[in-house]
Amino acid sequence: MATQVPTRAIEEAEDRLSADIKKRLFNGEDPMKVMSSLEYYPDISPTKIEELTNYICEYAFGTKLAGDINIEL
């Protein structure tokens, strides 16, 4: 049986991930590379992953919807 991560720890991890994503984009890292790195965070909620994906799309491509630029998640 998998151990459950406390909610507070998940929220803190999500906050750190959000800050890291924004920093990486601001520093000019390839948005597609940043987006593909999200798969390495299995404890992050699907809702947060979707929120970050939309943020990356809006930042890089001017649209919030990954479907608008034909990206398969």
C-alpha atoms as a PDB file:
ATOM      1  CA  MET A   1       0.000   0.000   0.000  1.00  0.00           C
ATOM      2  CA  ALA A   2       1.347   3.416  -0.967  1.00  0.00           C
ATOM      3  CA  THR A   3       1.838   5.944   1.771  1.00  0.00           C
ATOM      4  CA  GLN A   4      -0.247   9.064   1.552  1.00  0.00           C
ATOM      5  CA  VAL A   5       1.568  12.393   1.522  1.00  0.00           C
ATOM      6  CA  PRO A   6       0.062  14.943   3.942  1.00  0.00           C
ATOM      7  CA  THR A   7      -2.037  17.614   2.248  1.00  0.00           C
ATOM      8  CA  ARG A   8       0.104  20.473   3.573  1.00  0.00           C
ATOM      9  CA  ALA A   9       3.237  18.882   2.120  1.00  0.00           C
ATOM     10  CA  ILE A  10       1.532  18.527  -1.256  1.00  0.00           C
ATOM     11  CA  GLU A  11       0.401  22.162  -1.187  1.00  0.00           C
ATOM     12  CA  GLU A  12       3.929  23.299  -0.353  1.00  0.00           C
ATOM     13  CA  ALA A  13       5.348  21.139  -3.152  1.00  0.00           C
ATOM     14  CA  GLU A  14       2.807  22.603  -5.581  1.00  0.00           C
ATOM     15  CA  ASP A  15       3.758  26.138  -4.524  1.00  0.00           C
ATOM     16  CA  ARG A  16       7.469  25.395  -5.011  1.00  0.00           C
ATOM     17  CA  LEU A  17       6.767  23.806  -8.391  1.00  0.00           C
ATOM     18  CA  SER A  18       4.723  26.835  -9.504  1.00  0.00           C
ATOM     19  CA  ALA A  19       7.532  29.188  -8.522  1.00  0.00           C
ATOM     20  CA  ASP A  20      10.095  26.976 -10.259  1.00  0.00           C
ATOM     21  CA  ILE A  21       8.052  26.838 -13.482  1.00  0.00           C
ATOM     22  CA  LYS A  22       7.678  30.629 -13.552  1.00  0.00           C
ATOM     23  CA  LYS A  23      11.384  31.137 -12.848  1.00  0.00           C
ATOM     24  CA  ARG A  24      12.418  28.709 -15.591  1.00  0.00           C
ATOM     25  CA  LEU A  25      10.189  30.433 -18.149  1.00  0.00           C
ATOM     26  CA  PHE A  26      11.380  33.891 -17.069  1.00  0.00           C
ATOM     27  CA  ASN A  27      14.990  32.704 -17.469  1.00  0.00           C
ATOM     28  CA  GLY A  28      14.273  31.693 -21.068  1.00  0.00           C
ATOM     29  CA  GLU A  29      14.100  27.916 -20.778  1.00  0.00           C
ATOM     30  CA  ASP A  30      12.285  26.187 -23.638  1.00  0.00           C
ATOM     31  CA  PRO A  31       8.554  26.105 -22.745  1.00  0.00           C
ATOM     32  CA  MET A  32       8.107  22.622 -24.205  1.00  0.00           C
ATOM     33  CA  LYS A  33      10.934  21.319 -22.019  1.00  0.00           C
ATOM     34  CA  VAL A  34       9.375  22.982 -18.985  1.00  0.00           C
ATOM     35  CA  MET A  35       5.985  21.488 -19.835  1.00  0.00           C
ATOM     36  CA  SER A  36       7.349  17.991 -20.333  1.00  0.00           C
ATOM     37  CA  SER A  37       9.079  18.168 -16.943  1.00  0.00           C
ATOM     38  CA  LEU A  38       5.669  18.240 -15.230  1.00  0.00           C
ATOM     39  CA  GLU A  39       5.349  14.478 -15.686  1.00  0.00           C
ATOM     40  CA  TYR A  40       8.117  13.983 -13.109  1.00  0.00           C
ATOM     41  CA  TYR A  41       5.867  15.186 -10.269  1.00  0.00           C
ATOM     42  CA  PRO A  42       3.464  12.288  -9.552  1.00  0.00           C
ATOM     43  CA  ASP A  43       2.259  13.697  -6.208  1.00  0.00           C
ATOM     44  CA  ILE A  44       1.022  16.935  -7.761  1.00  0.00           C
ATOM     45  CA  SER A  45      -2.736  17.021  -8.345  1.00  0.00           C
ATOM     46  CA  PRO A  46      -4.063  16.769 -11.910  1.00  0.00           C
ATOM     47  CA  THR A  47      -5.776  20.116 -11.339  1.00  0.00           C
ATOM     48  CA  LYS A  48      -2.455  21.801 -10.512  1.00  0.00           C
ATOM     49  CA  ILE A  49      -0.756  20.146 -13.508  1.00  0.00           C
ATOM     50  CA  GLU A  50      -3.534  21.489 -15.746  1.00  0.00           C
ATOM     51  CA  GLU A  51      -3.202  24.953 -14.192  1.00  0.00           C
ATOM     52  CA  LEU A  52       0.565  24.971 -14.762  1.00  0.00           C
ATOM     53  CA  THR A  53       0.178  23.638 -18.305  1.00  0.00           C
ATOM     54  CA  ASN A  54      -2.250  26.447 -19.087  1.00  0.00           C
ATOM     55  CA  TYR A  55       0.146  28.976 -17.535  1.00  0.00           C
ATOM     56  CA  ILE A  56       3.004  27.696 -19.705  1.00  0.00           C
ATOM     57  CA  CYS A  57       0.831  27.793 -22.839  1.00  0.00           C
ATOM     58  CA  GLU A  58      -0.343  31.311 -22.095  1.00  0.00           C
ATOM     59  CA  TYR A  59       3.199  32.481 -21.354  1.00  0.00           C
ATOM     60  CA  ALA A  60       4.754  30.891 -24.426  1.00  0.00           C
ATOM     61  CA  PHE A  61       1.996  30.820 -27.013  1.00  0.00           C
ATOM     62  CA  GLY A  62      -0.584  33.408 -25.953  1.00  0.00           C
ATOM     63  CA  THR A  63      -3.360  30.895 -25.291  1.00  0.00           C
ATOM     64  CA  LYS A  64      -4.428  29.088 -22.131  1.00  0.00           C
ATOM     65  CA  LEU A  65      -5.659  25.943 -23.822  1.00  0.00           C
ATOM     66  CA  ALA A  66      -3.137  23.287 -24.782  1.00  0.00           C
ATOM     67  CA  GLY A  67      -5.659  22.041 -27.352  1.00  0.00           C
ATOM     68  CA  ASP A  68      -5.451  25.371 -29.162  1.00  0.00           C
ATOM     69  CA  ILE A  69      -1.842  24.647 -30.071  1.00  0.00           C
ATOM     70  CA  ASN A  70      -2.382  20.911 -30.584  1.00  0.00           C
ATOM     71  CA  ILE A  71      -0.323  19.639 -27.645  1.00  0.00           C
ATOM     72  CA  GLU A  72      -1.119  16.188 -26.365  1.00  0.00           C
ATOM     73  CA  LEU A  73      -0.744  16.036 -22.605  1.00  0.00           C
END
